[in-house]
Protein backbone atom coordinates (compact mmCIF):
# COMPACT_ATOMS: atom_id res chain seq x y z
CA MET A 1 115.77 114.27 87.57
CA THR A 2 117.68 112.57 90.42
CA ARG A 3 118.79 108.98 90.32
CA LEU A 4 116.43 107.86 93.04
CA ARG A 5 113.49 109.65 91.28
CA LYS A 6 114.32 107.83 88.05
CA MET A 7 114.37 104.49 90.00
CA MET A 8 111.01 105.15 91.51
CA LEU A 9 109.50 106.19 88.24
CA LYS A 10 110.92 103.02 86.62
CA GLU A 11 109.35 100.85 89.41
CA LEU A 12 106.03 102.56 89.08
CA GLN A 13 106.04 101.90 85.34
CA ARG A 14 107.12 98.28 85.84
CA GLY A 15 104.29 97.72 88.35
CA ASN A 16 101.89 99.19 85.82
CA TYR A 17 100.74 101.89 88.18
CA SER A 18 98.35 104.50 86.87
CA GLN A 19 99.45 107.92 85.83
CA ILE A 20 97.43 109.41 88.68
CA THR A 21 99.26 107.32 91.19
CA THR A 22 102.64 108.22 89.61
CA HIS A 23 101.56 111.90 89.56
CA ASN A 24 100.65 111.65 93.29
CA TYR A 25 103.46 109.58 94.67
CA LEU A 26 106.47 111.50 93.13
CA PRO A 27 105.72 114.84 94.88
CA VAL A 28 105.15 113.15 98.23
CA VAL A 29 108.58 111.54 98.13
CA ALA A 30 110.07 114.78 96.96
CA ASP A 31 108.45 116.67 99.82
CA PHE A 32 109.65 114.11 102.28
CA ALA A 33 113.28 114.54 101.20
CA LYS A 34 112.89 118.33 101.20
CA TYR A 35 111.36 118.37 104.70
CA PHE A 36 114.51 116.79 106.09
CA GLY A 37 116.95 118.31 103.66
CA LYS A 38 118.79 115.00 103.10
CA SER A 39 119.06 112.36 100.48
CA LEU A 40 116.24 109.77 100.63
CA ASP A 41 118.61 106.82 101.03
CA LYS A 42 119.94 108.46 104.21
CA LEU A 43 116.46 108.63 105.92
CA GLY A 44 114.96 105.88 108.12
CA PRO A 45 112.09 104.90 110.23
CA TYR A 46 112.42 107.78 112.78
CA GLU A 47 112.11 110.25 110.01
CA LEU A 48 109.03 108.51 108.67
CA ARG A 49 107.30 108.74 112.04
CA THR A 50 108.27 112.39 112.32
CA TYR A 51 107.04 113.16 108.86
CA GLN A 52 103.75 111.56 109.58
CA ALA A 53 103.26 113.59 112.68
CA TYR A 54 104.22 116.70 110.72
CA LEU A 55 101.59 115.94 108.11
CA LEU A 56 98.81 115.48 110.68
CA ARG A 57 99.73 118.22 113.21
CA GLU A 58 101.39 120.93 111.25
CA ARG A 59 100.01 120.65 107.73
CA LYS A 60 96.71 119.39 109.18
CA VAL A 61 96.03 116.97 106.23
CA THR A 62 93.13 114.56 106.58
CA PRO A 63 93.92 110.96 107.88
CA GLY A 64 93.19 109.76 104.35
CA THR A 65 95.75 111.98 102.78
CA ALA A 66 98.33 110.97 105.42
CA VAL A 67 97.64 107.30 104.63
CA ASN A 68 98.24 108.03 100.87
CA CYS A 69 101.40 109.76 101.70
CA MET A 70 102.66 106.82 103.84
CA ALA A 71 101.71 104.43 100.97
CA ALA A 72 103.84 106.51 98.62
CA LEU A 73 106.75 106.34 101.08
CA ARG A 74 106.21 102.66 101.67
CA PHE A 75 106.35 102.06 97.90
CA PHE A 76 109.57 104.06 97.69
CA PHE A 77 111.38 102.38 100.55
CA VAL A 78 110.16 98.75 99.94
CA LYS A 79 109.99 98.67 96.13
CA THR A 80 112.58 101.19 94.97
CA LEU A 81 115.20 100.95 97.75
CA GLU A 82 114.30 97.27 98.45
CA ARG A 83 114.24 97.92 102.19
CA HIS A 84 111.84 95.18 103.06
CA GLN A 85 112.14 95.73 106.75
CA PHE A 86 110.19 98.96 106.26
CA ARG A 87 107.20 97.08 105.13
CA ASP A 88 106.16 96.09 108.70
CA PHE A 89 107.63 99.14 110.41
CA LEU A 90 105.93 101.86 108.53
CA PRO A 91 103.44 103.76 110.69
CA THR A 92 99.73 103.27 110.01
CA LEU A 93 96.85 105.29 111.02
CA ARG A 94 94.17 103.63 113.15
CA ILE A 95 90.68 104.13 111.91
CA GLY A 96 88.34 104.47 114.78
CA ALA A 97 85.34 102.34 115.59
CA GLY A 98 83.01 105.09 114.38
CA TYR A 99 84.39 104.62 110.88
CA GLN A 100 83.93 100.85 111.03
CA ARG A 101 80.34 101.23 112.33
CA CYS A 102 79.57 103.64 109.45
CA ARG A 103 80.90 101.12 106.83
CA ARG A 104 78.84 98.28 108.41
CA HIS A 105 75.75 100.52 108.30
CA ALA A 106 76.36 101.51 104.75
CA ARG A 107 76.76 97.91 103.70
CA ALA A 108 73.44 96.98 105.41
CA LEU A 109 71.70 99.91 103.81
CA SER A 110 72.87 99.09 100.22
CA GLY A 111 70.86 95.87 100.11
CA ARG A 112 67.70 97.47 101.48
CA ALA A 113 67.97 100.53 99.20
CA SER A 114 68.24 98.31 96.13
CA SER A 115 65.20 96.18 97.04
CA ARG A 116 63.18 99.29 98.07
CA TYR A 117 63.56 100.81 94.69
CA GLY A 118 63.02 97.64 92.71
CA LEU A 119 66.61 97.19 91.67
CA PRO A 120 68.21 93.85 91.70
CA THR A 121 70.22 93.10 94.82
CA ARG A 122 73.76 91.82 94.70
CA SER A 123 74.88 88.84 96.68
CA ARG A 124 77.40 89.56 99.40
CA ALA A 125 80.00 87.49 97.61
CA ALA A 126 79.76 89.66 94.60
CA VAL A 127 80.16 92.87 96.59
CA ARG A 128 83.40 91.84 98.21
């Protein structure tokens, strides 16, 4: 196990992250380093953008998977390496208006479906 991997594992444990998160984050960071063939502490913002494009265009992962991969890399750079400038720089995926419209529609339907079937409805404050 490399020094940086041990550091990341220690930070995940200190932050009380779940085993599933740990299991998912570590391979993403290892794959990122393997893709560039360099040590992780030698990689920067340009490589992050390149890797995100690689995930979406070549590996054809879903946007949700790409977001999870970026979250793992954000955790690594910000928490493990303490490069706080990466927090604001890290690329994020824009979720289209269609997705937002779908969420609003689902929220509106959730109240109607509950009352239609005689189930108690939750107040909006409790849902958020």
